[in-house]
Amino acid sequence: MDHHFRDIHIGTLIKKRVAESEIEISRICNLLACTVQEAEHMFSQKDLPTDVLLKWSRLLEYDFFRLYSQHLILYAPPSSVDYNKTTEENKKKSTLPQFRKNLYTKEIIEFMLEKIRKREMTMRQVMDKYKIPKTTLYKWMKKY
């Protein structure tokens, strides 16, 4: 599971989702306004423009953007604990939407807990590396 978030090859993942969804390539091409060759070419691409990825996400009913969010959570955690806190100072600096919490999916939580269970990481290492509060980690341990 970890490798999907570390090195994302979006074309391959889209191709897998297409196979799972069993949607005919001709229907896909019709909805995306592309040729079969163009669709096949997209399957070979490591990256795709966001507007194209949004179309694929809608068509295949799968949030491909979440893969990138999970990558950020696992491999580029915030450098400070105050990263997600909205202060008056932060509000003035950016007109972009502010998000209060990271999106921890069940897969991400299980990934972190598996590291602990397999003794690949200690609880302290998980808390430090991924900036998970102690209480949150204990809640996960209890729940999962």
N, C-alpha and C. Protein backbone atom coordinates (compact mmCIF):
# COMPACT_ATOMS: atom_id res chain seq x y z
N MET A 1 0.84 -1.20 0.00
CA MET A 1 0.00 0.00 0.00
C MET A 1 0.87 1.25 0.00
N ASP A 2 1.94 1.18 0.76
CA ASP A 2 2.84 2.32 0.92
C ASP A 2 3.38 2.83 -0.42
N HIS A 3 3.74 1.92 -1.32
CA HIS A 3 4.33 2.35 -2.58
C HIS A 3 3.38 3.16 -3.44
N HIS A 4 2.05 2.95 -3.29
CA HIS A 4 1.10 3.74 -4.06
C HIS A 4 1.19 5.21 -3.72
N PHE A 5 1.47 5.51 -2.46
CA PHE A 5 1.52 6.89 -2.02
C PHE A 5 2.90 7.49 -2.18
N ARG A 6 3.93 6.67 -2.19
CA ARG A 6 5.30 7.19 -2.29
C ARG A 6 5.60 7.65 -3.71
N ASP A 7 5.35 6.78 -4.67
CA ASP A 7 5.68 7.09 -6.06
C ASP A 7 4.42 6.90 -6.90
N ILE A 8 3.69 7.97 -7.07
CA ILE A 8 2.39 7.91 -7.74
C ILE A 8 2.57 7.94 -9.26
N HIS A 9 2.08 6.89 -9.93
CA HIS A 9 2.03 6.87 -11.39
C HIS A 9 0.54 6.88 -11.73
N ILE A 10 0.01 8.07 -11.94
CA ILE A 10 -1.43 8.25 -12.04
C ILE A 10 -2.05 7.49 -13.21
N GLY A 11 -1.36 7.41 -14.33
CA GLY A 11 -1.89 6.69 -15.49
C GLY A 11 -2.16 5.23 -15.20
N THR A 12 -1.21 4.58 -14.52
CA THR A 12 -1.36 3.18 -14.15
C THR A 12 -2.54 2.99 -13.21
N LEU A 13 -2.70 3.90 -12.25
CA LEU A 13 -3.80 3.80 -11.29
C LEU A 13 -5.15 4.03 -11.96
N ILE A 14 -5.19 4.95 -12.92
CA ILE A 14 -6.43 5.18 -13.67
C ILE A 14 -6.78 3.93 -14.48
N LYS A 15 -5.77 3.35 -15.12
CA LYS A 15 -5.99 2.14 -15.92
C LYS A 15 -6.55 1.01 -15.05
N LYS A 16 -6.03 0.87 -13.83
CA LYS A 16 -6.54 -0.16 -12.90
C LYS A 16 -8.01 0.11 -12.56
N ARG A 17 -8.33 1.38 -12.32
CA ARG A 17 -9.70 1.75 -11.97
C ARG A 17 -10.64 1.51 -13.15
N VAL A 18 -10.16 1.78 -14.37
CA VAL A 18 -10.96 1.53 -15.58
C VAL A 18 -11.27 0.04 -15.66
N ALA A 19 -10.26 -0.80 -15.42
CA ALA A 19 -10.46 -2.25 -15.47
C ALA A 19 -11.47 -2.70 -14.41
N GLU A 20 -11.36 -2.15 -13.21
CA GLU A 20 -12.29 -2.49 -12.12
C GLU A 20 -13.72 -2.06 -12.44
N SER A 21 -13.84 -0.90 -13.07
CA SER A 21 -15.18 -0.34 -13.33
C SER A 21 -15.87 -1.01 -14.51
N GLU A 22 -15.10 -1.69 -15.34
CA GLU A 22 -15.62 -2.40 -16.52
C GLU A 22 -16.38 -1.48 -17.48
N ILE A 23 -15.98 -0.22 -17.53
CA ILE A 23 -16.58 0.72 -18.49
C ILE A 23 -15.86 0.54 -19.83
N GLU A 24 -16.62 0.45 -20.88
CA GLU A 24 -16.04 0.29 -22.22
C GLU A 24 -15.18 1.50 -22.58
N ILE A 25 -14.05 1.24 -23.21
CA ILE A 25 -13.13 2.33 -23.60
C ILE A 25 -13.82 3.29 -24.56
N SER A 26 -14.71 2.80 -25.40
CA SER A 26 -15.42 3.68 -26.34
C SER A 26 -16.31 4.68 -25.58
N ARG A 27 -16.93 4.21 -24.49
CA ARG A 27 -17.76 5.10 -23.67
C ARG A 27 -16.89 6.14 -22.95
N ILE A 28 -15.76 5.67 -22.47
CA ILE A 28 -14.82 6.58 -21.80
C ILE A 28 -14.37 7.67 -22.77
N CYS A 29 -13.99 7.26 -23.95
CA CYS A 29 -13.52 8.22 -24.96
C CYS A 29 -14.63 9.21 -25.33
N ASN A 30 -15.83 8.73 -25.41
CA ASN A 30 -16.97 9.61 -25.71
C ASN A 30 -17.14 10.65 -24.60
N LEU A 31 -17.08 10.21 -23.36
CA LEU A 31 -17.29 11.12 -22.22
C LEU A 31 -16.11 12.08 -22.02
N LEU A 32 -14.90 11.63 -22.35
CA LEU A 32 -13.72 12.48 -22.19
C LEU A 32 -13.38 13.26 -23.46
N ALA A 33 -14.13 13.00 -24.52
CA ALA A 33 -13.88 13.63 -25.82
C ALA A 33 -12.44 13.41 -26.27
N CYS A 34 -12.04 12.13 -26.30
CA CYS A 34 -10.69 11.79 -26.75
C CYS A 34 -10.75 10.51 -27.58
N THR A 35 -9.65 10.20 -28.25
CA THR A 35 -9.56 8.97 -29.04
C THR A 35 -9.07 7.84 -28.14
N VAL A 36 -9.20 6.62 -28.61
CA VAL A 36 -8.69 5.45 -27.86
C VAL A 36 -7.18 5.60 -27.66
N GLN A 37 -6.50 6.08 -28.70
CA GLN A 37 -5.03 6.27 -28.60
C GLN A 37 -4.69 7.30 -27.51
N GLU A 38 -5.46 8.37 -27.45
CA GLU A 38 -5.22 9.39 -26.42
C GLU A 38 -5.47 8.84 -25.02
N ALA A 39 -6.51 8.03 -24.88
CA ALA A 39 -6.80 7.42 -23.57
C ALA A 39 -5.67 6.47 -23.19
N GLU A 40 -5.24 5.63 -24.12
CA GLU A 40 -4.13 4.70 -23.86
C GLU A 40 -2.86 5.47 -23.50
N HIS A 41 -2.65 6.58 -24.16
CA HIS A 41 -1.47 7.41 -23.85
C HIS A 41 -1.55 7.94 -22.41
N MET A 42 -2.75 8.33 -21.98
CA MET A 42 -2.91 8.82 -20.61
C MET A 42 -2.57 7.73 -19.60
N PHE A 43 -2.89 6.47 -19.92
CA PHE A 43 -2.57 5.37 -19.02
C PHE A 43 -1.06 5.22 -18.82
N SER A 44 -0.28 5.68 -19.77
CA SER A 44 1.18 5.55 -19.67
C SER A 44 1.83 6.76 -18.99
N GLN A 45 1.04 7.78 -18.67
CA GLN A 45 1.58 9.00 -18.10
C GLN A 45 1.70 8.94 -16.58
N LYS A 46 2.84 9.39 -16.08
CA LYS A 46 3.05 9.47 -14.63
C LYS A 46 2.20 10.59 -14.03
N ASP A 47 2.04 11.68 -14.77
CA ASP A 47 1.28 12.84 -14.31
C ASP A 47 0.27 13.25 -15.39
N LEU A 48 -0.81 13.86 -14.95
CA LEU A 48 -1.81 14.40 -15.88
C LEU A 48 -2.23 15.79 -15.39
N PRO A 49 -2.65 16.66 -16.31
CA PRO A 49 -3.14 17.98 -15.89
C PRO A 49 -4.33 17.81 -14.95
N THR A 50 -4.49 18.73 -14.04
CA THR A 50 -5.55 18.62 -13.03
C THR A 50 -6.95 18.58 -13.64
N ASP A 51 -7.19 19.33 -14.71
CA ASP A 51 -8.52 19.30 -15.31
C ASP A 51 -8.83 17.93 -15.89
N VAL A 52 -7.82 17.28 -16.44
CA VAL A 52 -8.00 15.93 -16.99
C VAL A 52 -8.21 14.93 -15.84
N LEU A 53 -7.43 15.08 -14.78
CA LEU A 53 -7.57 14.19 -13.62
C LEU A 53 -8.95 14.35 -12.97
N LEU A 54 -9.47 15.56 -12.97
CA LEU A 54 -10.81 15.80 -12.43
C LEU A 54 -11.86 15.06 -13.26
N LYS A 55 -11.70 15.09 -14.59
CA LYS A 55 -12.64 14.37 -15.46
C LYS A 55 -12.60 12.87 -15.18
N TRP A 56 -11.39 12.33 -15.05
CA TRP A 56 -11.24 10.90 -14.75
C TRP A 56 -11.88 10.59 -13.39
N SER A 57 -11.67 11.45 -12.41
CA SER A 57 -12.22 11.23 -11.07
C SER A 57 -13.74 11.18 -11.11
N ARG A 58 -14.33 12.08 -11.85
CA ARG A 58 -15.80 12.09 -11.98
C ARG A 58 -16.29 10.85 -12.71
N LEU A 59 -15.66 10.57 -13.84
CA LEU A 59 -16.07 9.45 -14.68
C LEU A 59 -15.97 8.12 -13.93
N LEU A 60 -14.87 7.91 -13.23
CA LEU A 60 -14.62 6.63 -12.56
C LEU A 60 -15.07 6.62 -11.10
N GLU A 61 -15.67 7.74 -10.66
CA GLU A 61 -16.16 7.87 -9.30
C GLU A 61 -15.10 7.46 -8.28
N TYR A 62 -13.91 8.05 -8.45
CA TYR A 62 -12.78 7.78 -7.56
C TYR A 62 -11.98 9.08 -7.42
N ASP A 63 -11.64 9.43 -6.19
CA ASP A 63 -10.91 10.68 -5.94
C ASP A 63 -9.41 10.45 -6.11
N PHE A 64 -8.91 10.62 -7.32
CA PHE A 64 -7.48 10.43 -7.59
C PHE A 64 -6.63 11.49 -6.89
N PHE A 65 -7.22 12.63 -6.59
CA PHE A 65 -6.48 13.68 -5.89
C PHE A 65 -6.12 13.26 -4.47
N ARG A 66 -6.93 12.39 -3.89
CA ARG A 66 -6.68 11.93 -2.53
C ARG A 66 -5.34 11.20 -2.44
N LEU A 67 -4.92 10.56 -3.53
CA LEU A 67 -3.61 9.90 -3.54
C LEU A 67 -2.50 10.89 -3.23
N TYR A 68 -2.62 12.09 -3.80
CA TYR A 68 -1.61 13.13 -3.57
C TYR A 68 -1.71 13.69 -2.16
N SER A 69 -2.94 13.83 -1.64
CA SER A 69 -3.12 14.29 -0.27
C SER A 69 -2.48 13.31 0.71
N GLN A 70 -2.67 12.02 0.45
CA GLN A 70 -2.09 11.00 1.33
C GLN A 70 -0.57 11.02 1.24
N HIS A 71 -0.04 11.28 0.06
CA HIS A 71 1.41 11.40 -0.10
C HIS A 71 1.94 12.54 0.78
N LEU A 72 1.25 13.67 0.75
CA LEU A 72 1.68 14.81 1.57
C LEU A 72 1.65 14.47 3.06
N ILE A 73 0.61 13.77 3.48
CA ILE A 73 0.49 13.40 4.89
C ILE A 73 1.64 12.48 5.30
N LEU A 74 1.96 11.51 4.45
CA LEU A 74 2.98 10.51 4.80
C LEU A 74 4.41 10.98 4.59
N TYR A 75 4.66 11.72 3.52
CA TYR A 75 6.03 12.01 3.13
C TYR A 75 6.43 13.47 3.21
N ALA A 76 5.47 14.35 3.46
CA ALA A 76 5.81 15.76 3.62
C ALA A 76 4.96 16.32 4.75
N PRO A 77 5.08 15.72 5.95
CA PRO A 77 4.24 16.21 7.05
C PRO A 77 4.61 17.63 7.41
N PRO A 78 3.68 18.35 8.02
CA PRO A 78 3.95 19.74 8.40
C PRO A 78 5.15 19.82 9.32
N SER A 79 5.94 20.86 9.17
CA SER A 79 7.16 20.99 9.96
C SER A 79 6.88 21.48 11.37
N SER A 80 5.71 22.06 11.57
CA SER A 80 5.39 22.51 12.92
C SER A 80 4.01 22.03 13.32
N VAL A 81 3.81 21.86 14.60
CA VAL A 81 2.53 21.40 15.12
C VAL A 81 1.44 22.42 14.82
N ASP A 82 1.80 23.69 14.66
CA ASP A 82 0.83 24.75 14.41
C ASP A 82 0.41 24.85 12.94
N TYR A 83 0.89 23.93 12.12
CA TYR A 83 0.63 23.96 10.69
C TYR A 83 -0.85 24.11 10.36
N ASN A 84 -1.70 23.37 11.04
CA ASN A 84 -3.12 23.38 10.71
C ASN A 84 -3.94 24.37 11.52
N LYS A 85 -3.31 25.08 12.42
CA LYS A 85 -4.05 26.05 13.22
C LYS A 85 -4.20 27.35 12.45
N THR A 86 -5.36 27.89 12.48
CA THR A 86 -5.62 29.14 11.78
C THR A 86 -5.47 30.29 12.77
N THR A 87 -4.43 31.06 12.58
CA THR A 87 -4.22 32.22 13.44
C THR A 87 -4.61 33.47 12.67
N GLU A 88 -4.74 34.55 13.36
CA GLU A 88 -5.04 35.83 12.69
C GLU A 88 -3.97 36.14 11.66
N GLU A 89 -2.73 35.85 12.03
CA GLU A 89 -1.60 36.12 11.13
C GLU A 89 -1.72 35.30 9.84
N ASN A 90 -2.05 34.01 9.96
CA ASN A 90 -2.19 33.14 8.80
C ASN A 90 -3.35 33.57 7.91
N LYS A 91 -4.43 34.01 8.53
CA LYS A 91 -5.60 34.43 7.76
C LYS A 91 -5.26 35.62 6.87
N LYS A 92 -4.43 36.51 7.34
CA LYS A 92 -4.06 37.70 6.58
C LYS A 92 -3.11 37.35 5.43
N LYS A 93 -2.28 36.34 5.61
CA LYS A 93 -1.27 35.99 4.62
C LYS A 93 -1.83 35.35 3.36
N SER A 94 -2.89 34.55 3.50
CA SER A 94 -3.36 33.79 2.35
C SER A 94 -4.85 33.97 2.12
N THR A 95 -5.20 34.04 0.85
CA THR A 95 -6.61 34.08 0.50
C THR A 95 -7.10 32.69 0.10
N LEU A 96 -6.18 31.70 0.15
CA LEU A 96 -6.55 30.32 -0.18
C LEU A 96 -7.36 29.72 0.95
N PRO A 97 -8.17 28.71 0.63
CA PRO A 97 -8.94 28.05 1.70
C PRO A 97 -7.99 27.45 2.75
N GLN A 98 -8.37 27.56 4.01
CA GLN A 98 -7.59 26.98 5.10
C GLN A 98 -8.27 25.70 5.56
N PHE A 99 -7.47 24.64 5.71
CA PHE A 99 -8.01 23.36 6.14
C PHE A 99 -7.59 23.11 7.58
N ARG A 100 -8.54 22.71 8.38
CA ARG A 100 -8.27 22.54 9.80
C ARG A 100 -7.52 21.26 10.13
N LYS A 101 -7.82 20.18 9.42
CA LYS A 101 -7.21 18.90 9.77
C LYS A 101 -6.72 18.20 8.52
N ASN A 102 -5.75 17.30 8.74
CA ASN A 102 -5.31 16.42 7.67
C ASN A 102 -6.39 15.38 7.43
N LEU A 103 -6.40 14.82 6.24
CA LEU A 103 -7.37 13.79 5.89
C LEU A 103 -6.72 12.43 6.13
N TYR A 104 -7.01 11.84 7.27
CA TYR A 104 -6.47 10.52 7.55
C TYR A 104 -7.51 9.48 7.17
N THR A 105 -7.28 8.81 6.05
CA THR A 105 -8.20 7.77 5.62
C THR A 105 -7.93 6.52 6.44
N LYS A 106 -8.86 5.59 6.36
CA LYS A 106 -8.70 4.32 7.07
C LYS A 106 -7.40 3.63 6.62
N GLU A 107 -7.09 3.74 5.33
CA GLU A 107 -5.86 3.11 4.80
C GLU A 107 -4.61 3.72 5.42
N ILE A 108 -4.60 5.03 5.57
CA ILE A 108 -3.44 5.71 6.16
C ILE A 108 -3.30 5.32 7.63
N ILE A 109 -4.42 5.31 8.34
CA ILE A 109 -4.39 4.93 9.76
C ILE A 109 -3.88 3.50 9.89
N GLU A 110 -4.41 2.61 9.08
CA GLU A 110 -3.97 1.21 9.13
C GLU A 110 -2.49 1.08 8.78
N PHE A 111 -2.04 1.88 7.82
CA PHE A 111 -0.63 1.87 7.44
C PHE A 111 0.25 2.22 8.64
N MET A 112 -0.11 3.28 9.35
CA MET A 112 0.68 3.72 10.51
C MET A 112 0.62 2.69 11.64
N LEU A 113 -0.58 2.17 11.90
CA LEU A 113 -0.72 1.18 12.97
C LEU A 113 0.02 -0.11 12.64
N GLU A 114 0.05 -0.46 11.37
CA GLU A 114 0.79 -1.66 10.93
C GLU A 114 2.29 -1.50 11.19
N LYS A 115 2.80 -0.30 10.98
CA LYS A 115 4.21 -0.01 11.27
C LYS A 115 4.52 -0.30 12.74
N ILE A 116 3.57 0.08 13.60
CA ILE A 116 3.75 -0.14 15.04
C ILE A 116 3.63 -1.63 15.38
N ARG A 117 2.59 -2.27 14.84
CA ARG A 117 2.35 -3.70 15.11
C ARG A 117 3.52 -4.57 14.66
N LYS A 118 4.09 -4.24 13.51
CA LYS A 118 5.22 -5.03 12.98
C LYS A 118 6.55 -4.61 13.60
N ARG A 119 6.47 -3.65 14.52
CA ARG A 119 7.65 -3.13 15.22
C ARG A 119 8.67 -2.49 14.27
N GLU A 120 8.15 -1.97 13.14
CA GLU A 120 9.01 -1.23 12.21
C GLU A 120 9.24 0.18 12.73
N MET A 121 8.27 0.68 13.52
CA MET A 121 8.38 2.00 14.13
C MET A 121 7.75 1.92 15.52
N THR A 122 8.24 2.76 16.43
CA THR A 122 7.62 2.87 17.74
C THR A 122 6.49 3.89 17.64
N MET A 123 5.66 3.92 18.68
CA MET A 123 4.59 4.93 18.70
C MET A 123 5.20 6.32 18.66
N ARG A 124 6.28 6.53 19.40
CA ARG A 124 6.95 7.83 19.43
C ARG A 124 7.43 8.20 18.02
N GLN A 125 8.00 7.25 17.29
CA GLN A 125 8.49 7.53 15.93
C GLN A 125 7.35 7.92 15.00
N VAL A 126 6.21 7.23 15.12
CA VAL A 126 5.04 7.56 14.30
C VAL A 126 4.55 8.97 14.63
N MET A 127 4.48 9.27 15.93
CA MET A 127 4.02 10.60 16.36
C MET A 127 4.96 11.69 15.83
N ASP A 128 6.26 11.44 15.91
CA ASP A 128 7.24 12.44 15.47
C ASP A 128 7.28 12.58 13.95
N LYS A 129 7.35 11.45 13.25
CA LYS A 129 7.50 11.50 11.79
C LYS A 129 6.26 12.07 11.10
N TYR A 130 5.06 11.64 11.55
CA TYR A 130 3.83 12.04 10.87
C TYR A 130 3.05 13.12 11.61
N LYS A 131 3.64 13.64 12.70
CA LYS A 131 3.02 14.72 13.49
C LYS A 131 1.61 14.35 13.95
N ILE A 132 1.48 13.12 14.46
CA ILE A 132 0.22 12.63 14.98
C ILE A 132 0.19 12.90 16.48
N PRO A 133 -0.81 13.60 16.98
CA PRO A 133 -0.90 13.81 18.43
C PRO A 133 -1.05 12.46 19.16
N LYS A 134 -0.47 12.39 20.33
CA LYS A 134 -0.49 11.17 21.13
C LYS A 134 -1.92 10.67 21.35
N THR A 135 -2.83 11.59 21.69
CA THR A 135 -4.22 11.19 21.95
C THR A 135 -4.88 10.62 20.69
N THR A 136 -4.58 11.18 19.55
CA THR A 136 -5.14 10.69 18.29
C THR A 136 -4.65 9.27 18.02
N LEU A 137 -3.36 9.06 18.19
CA LEU A 137 -2.77 7.74 17.95
C LEU A 137 -3.38 6.70 18.90
N TYR A 138 -3.56 7.06 20.16
CA TYR A 138 -4.17 6.13 21.11
C TYR A 138 -5.62 5.83 20.75
N LYS A 139 -6.35 6.83 20.26
CA LYS A 139 -7.74 6.60 19.82
C LYS A 139 -7.77 5.61 18.66
N TRP A 140 -6.84 5.78 17.72
CA TRP A 140 -6.75 4.86 16.58
C TRP A 140 -6.45 3.45 17.05
N MET A 141 -5.51 3.33 17.99
CA MET A 141 -5.11 2.01 18.50
C MET A 141 -6.33 1.32 19.12
N LYS A 142 -7.12 2.08 19.84
CA LYS A 142 -8.30 1.53 20.51
C LYS A 142 -9.36 1.14 19.48
N LYS A 143 -9.57 2.02 18.50
CA LYS A 143 -10.63 1.82 17.50
C LYS A 143 -10.30 0.72 16.49
N TYR A 144 -9.04 0.69 16.06
CA TYR A 144 -8.65 -0.26 15.00
C TYR A 144 -7.84 -1.42 15.57
